[in-house]
Each structure stands twice: as C-alpha cells, then as structure tokens.
Amino acid sequence: MRPDEVVHSHPEILGGTPVFVGTRVPVRTLIDHLEAGDTIEVFLHSFPSVSREQAVAALEMASEFLAESAHSRR
C-alpha cells in the first residue's frame, strides 16, 4: 500500500492526530494495543474500520522509519 492509503493527518480530524485513512482511528491506538500485549487480531476486531493491510503497512512504515533513523545517526 502507498503511504497515502494508510495514514493521514488533517487539522479537522482529531486535531491533526495521525489516523488510518478513511477512519477516525489514531495510529497510536494500534501501538497502544500491541504494547498492552494484544494481537493485531484483537485490534482489528475492536476497530473494524481499519483493514489488516492498513495496520500491517503502518507497522512496516514505522519499522522502516526507525531503521532509517538509526542508520542516519551513525
């Protein structure tokens, strides 16, 4: 998925908090669920407006960002 199909931010949607495209579900909510030990299935069940593809793509984007950030600090 393209990044613009996964996450976006708009000042009129939750004050600009990054949300999954087509929803009002903050990306942070996925991270919070995973930090609490929930599976991605539990998150998706709780937020059916978010597709599995979006959730996985958001995690991949976060992983790539962290990897690039770590490499740029060397």
N, C-alpha and C. Protein backbone atom coordinates (compact mmCIF):
# COMPACT_ATOMS: atom_id res chain seq x y z
N MET A 1 0.83 -1.19 0.00
CA MET A 1 0.00 0.00 0.00
C MET A 1 0.87 1.25 0.00
N ARG A 2 0.37 2.27 -0.67
CA ARG A 2 1.07 3.56 -0.64
C ARG A 2 0.81 4.24 0.70
N PRO A 3 1.78 5.00 1.19
CA PRO A 3 1.60 5.69 2.48
C PRO A 3 0.31 6.52 2.54
N ASP A 4 -0.09 7.14 1.42
CA ASP A 4 -1.30 7.96 1.44
C ASP A 4 -2.58 7.13 1.50
N GLU A 5 -2.46 5.81 1.44
CA GLU A 5 -3.59 4.91 1.61
C GLU A 5 -3.65 4.35 3.03
N VAL A 6 -2.64 4.66 3.80
CA VAL A 6 -2.51 4.06 5.14
C VAL A 6 -2.84 5.05 6.24
N VAL A 7 -2.12 6.15 6.27
CA VAL A 7 -2.22 7.11 7.37
C VAL A 7 -2.30 8.53 6.81
N HIS A 8 -3.08 9.36 7.47
CA HIS A 8 -3.08 10.78 7.13
C HIS A 8 -3.39 11.61 8.36
N SER A 9 -3.18 12.89 8.21
CA SER A 9 -3.41 13.82 9.30
C SER A 9 -4.09 15.06 8.72
N HIS A 10 -5.13 15.52 9.41
CA HIS A 10 -5.85 16.72 8.97
C HIS A 10 -6.25 17.48 10.23
N PRO A 11 -6.07 18.79 10.24
CA PRO A 11 -6.38 19.56 11.44
C PRO A 11 -7.81 19.40 11.94
N GLU A 12 -8.74 19.08 11.05
CA GLU A 12 -10.14 18.95 11.46
C GLU A 12 -10.50 17.54 11.91
N ILE A 13 -9.56 16.62 11.84
CA ILE A 13 -9.81 15.24 12.29
C ILE A 13 -8.93 15.00 13.51
N LEU A 14 -9.57 14.93 14.66
CA LEU A 14 -8.88 14.70 15.93
C LEU A 14 -7.70 15.65 16.13
N GLY A 15 -7.88 16.89 15.70
CA GLY A 15 -6.86 17.92 15.92
C GLY A 15 -5.56 17.67 15.20
N GLY A 16 -5.60 16.91 14.12
CA GLY A 16 -4.38 16.64 13.35
C GLY A 16 -3.65 15.38 13.76
N THR A 17 -4.22 14.61 14.67
CA THR A 17 -3.61 13.34 15.08
C THR A 17 -3.56 12.40 13.88
N PRO A 18 -2.44 11.73 13.62
CA PRO A 18 -2.39 10.78 12.51
C PRO A 18 -3.39 9.63 12.73
N VAL A 19 -4.24 9.43 11.72
CA VAL A 19 -5.26 8.38 11.77
C VAL A 19 -5.14 7.50 10.54
N PHE A 20 -5.75 6.32 10.62
CA PHE A 20 -5.82 5.46 9.45
C PHE A 20 -6.77 6.10 8.44
N VAL A 21 -6.39 6.09 7.18
CA VAL A 21 -7.18 6.69 6.12
C VAL A 21 -8.59 6.08 6.11
N GLY A 22 -9.59 6.95 6.00
CA GLY A 22 -10.97 6.51 5.94
C GLY A 22 -11.59 6.22 7.29
N THR A 23 -10.84 6.53 8.36
CA THR A 23 -11.32 6.27 9.72
C THR A 23 -11.00 7.47 10.60
N ARG A 24 -11.43 7.37 11.84
CA ARG A 24 -11.03 8.33 12.87
C ARG A 24 -10.22 7.60 13.94
N VAL A 25 -9.60 6.49 13.55
CA VAL A 25 -8.82 5.66 14.48
C VAL A 25 -7.36 6.12 14.45
N PRO A 26 -6.87 6.66 15.57
CA PRO A 26 -5.47 7.08 15.61
C PRO A 26 -4.52 5.89 15.45
N VAL A 27 -3.44 6.11 14.74
CA VAL A 27 -2.41 5.07 14.58
C VAL A 27 -1.87 4.69 15.95
N ARG A 28 -1.79 5.64 16.85
CA ARG A 28 -1.29 5.39 18.20
C ARG A 28 -2.10 4.29 18.90
N THR A 29 -3.37 4.17 18.55
CA THR A 29 -4.22 3.15 19.16
C THR A 29 -3.71 1.74 18.84
N LEU A 30 -3.24 1.55 17.61
CA LEU A 30 -2.64 0.25 17.25
C LEU A 30 -1.41 -0.01 18.10
N ILE A 31 -0.55 0.97 18.22
CA ILE A 31 0.67 0.82 19.01
C ILE A 31 0.32 0.53 20.47
N ASP A 32 -0.66 1.26 21.00
CA ASP A 32 -1.08 1.03 22.39
C ASP A 32 -1.57 -0.40 22.61
N HIS A 33 -2.34 -0.91 21.67
CA HIS A 33 -2.83 -2.29 21.79
C HIS A 33 -1.68 -3.29 21.78
N LEU A 34 -0.74 -3.08 20.88
CA LEU A 34 0.40 -4.00 20.80
C LEU A 34 1.26 -3.91 22.05
N GLU A 35 1.46 -2.70 22.56
CA GLU A 35 2.24 -2.51 23.80
C GLU A 35 1.57 -3.21 24.98
N ALA A 36 0.24 -3.26 24.96
CA ALA A 36 -0.51 -3.90 26.04
C ALA A 36 -0.52 -5.42 25.92
N GLY A 37 0.06 -5.93 24.84
CA GLY A 37 0.13 -7.38 24.65
C GLY A 37 -0.98 -7.95 23.80
N ASP A 38 -1.84 -7.08 23.26
CA ASP A 38 -2.90 -7.55 22.37
C ASP A 38 -2.31 -7.96 21.02
N THR A 39 -3.00 -8.84 20.35
CA THR A 39 -2.60 -9.22 19.00
C THR A 39 -3.19 -8.22 18.01
N ILE A 40 -2.70 -8.27 16.80
CA ILE A 40 -3.26 -7.41 15.76
C ILE A 40 -4.72 -7.80 15.50
N GLU A 41 -5.04 -9.08 15.70
CA GLU A 41 -6.42 -9.54 15.51
C GLU A 41 -7.36 -8.87 16.52
N VAL A 42 -6.91 -8.72 17.76
CA VAL A 42 -7.72 -8.05 18.78
C VAL A 42 -7.95 -6.60 18.37
N PHE A 43 -6.91 -5.93 17.93
CA PHE A 43 -7.04 -4.54 17.47
C PHE A 43 -8.04 -4.46 16.32
N LEU A 44 -7.89 -5.31 15.32
CA LEU A 44 -8.77 -5.27 14.15
C LEU A 44 -10.22 -5.57 14.53
N HIS A 45 -10.42 -6.45 15.48
CA HIS A 45 -11.77 -6.76 15.94
C HIS A 45 -12.37 -5.53 16.63
N SER A 46 -11.55 -4.81 17.39
CA SER A 46 -12.02 -3.63 18.10
C SER A 46 -12.26 -2.44 17.17
N PHE A 47 -11.54 -2.41 16.06
CA PHE A 47 -11.62 -1.28 15.12
C PHE A 47 -11.80 -1.82 13.69
N PRO A 48 -12.99 -2.32 13.38
CA PRO A 48 -13.22 -2.96 12.08
C PRO A 48 -13.11 -2.01 10.88
N SER A 49 -13.08 -0.71 11.12
CA SER A 49 -12.93 0.22 10.00
C SER A 49 -11.49 0.26 9.49
N VAL A 50 -10.56 -0.29 10.26
CA VAL A 50 -9.15 -0.37 9.84
C VAL A 50 -8.94 -1.73 9.19
N SER A 51 -8.38 -1.74 7.99
CA SER A 51 -8.12 -3.01 7.32
C SER A 51 -6.81 -3.62 7.83
N ARG A 52 -6.71 -4.92 7.70
CA ARG A 52 -5.47 -5.61 8.06
C ARG A 52 -4.31 -5.02 7.26
N GLU A 53 -4.55 -4.75 5.99
CA GLU A 53 -3.49 -4.22 5.12
C GLU A 53 -2.99 -2.87 5.64
N GLN A 54 -3.92 -2.03 6.09
CA GLN A 54 -3.51 -0.74 6.65
C GLN A 54 -2.69 -0.92 7.92
N ALA A 55 -3.13 -1.79 8.80
CA ALA A 55 -2.42 -2.00 10.07
C ALA A 55 -1.01 -2.53 9.82
N VAL A 56 -0.89 -3.51 8.95
CA VAL A 56 0.42 -4.09 8.65
C VAL A 56 1.30 -3.05 7.96
N ALA A 57 0.73 -2.31 7.02
CA ALA A 57 1.51 -1.28 6.32
C ALA A 57 1.99 -0.20 7.29
N ALA A 58 1.17 0.19 8.25
CA ALA A 58 1.58 1.19 9.23
C ALA A 58 2.76 0.69 10.06
N LEU A 59 2.70 -0.57 10.45
CA LEU A 59 3.82 -1.15 11.21
C LEU A 59 5.08 -1.24 10.36
N GLU A 60 4.92 -1.58 9.10
CA GLU A 60 6.08 -1.63 8.20
C GLU A 60 6.68 -0.25 8.02
N MET A 61 5.81 0.75 7.87
CA MET A 61 6.29 2.13 7.73
C MET A 61 7.05 2.57 8.97
N ALA A 62 6.54 2.23 10.14
CA ALA A 62 7.22 2.58 11.39
C ALA A 62 8.57 1.88 11.48
N SER A 63 8.61 0.62 11.07
CA SER A 63 9.86 -0.14 11.10
C SER A 63 10.90 0.48 10.17
N GLU A 64 10.47 0.84 8.96
CA GLU A 64 11.39 1.46 8.00
C GLU A 64 11.90 2.80 8.52
N PHE A 65 11.00 3.58 9.11
CA PHE A 65 11.40 4.87 9.67
C PHE A 65 12.46 4.70 10.75
N LEU A 66 12.23 3.74 11.65
CA LEU A 66 13.18 3.51 12.74
C LEU A 66 14.52 3.03 12.21
N ALA A 67 14.49 2.15 11.22
CA ALA A 67 15.74 1.65 10.64
C ALA A 67 16.51 2.79 9.97
N GLU A 68 15.81 3.62 9.21
CA GLU A 68 16.47 4.74 8.55
C GLU A 68 17.00 5.74 9.56
N SER A 69 16.25 5.97 10.60
CA SER A 69 16.66 6.91 11.64
C SER A 69 17.92 6.40 12.36
N ALA A 70 17.96 5.12 12.62
CA ALA A 70 19.13 4.54 13.29
C ALA A 70 20.36 4.63 12.41
N HIS A 71 20.19 4.40 11.11
CA HIS A 71 21.33 4.47 10.20
C HIS A 71 21.84 5.90 10.02
N SER A 72 20.94 6.86 10.06
CA SER A 72 21.35 8.25 9.86
C SER A 72 22.09 8.82 11.07
N ARG A 73 21.99 8.17 12.21
CA ARG A 73 22.66 8.65 13.43
C ARG A 73 24.07 8.13 13.58
N ARG A 74 24.49 7.27 12.71
CA ARG A 74 25.84 6.68 12.84
C ARG A 74 26.90 7.65 12.44
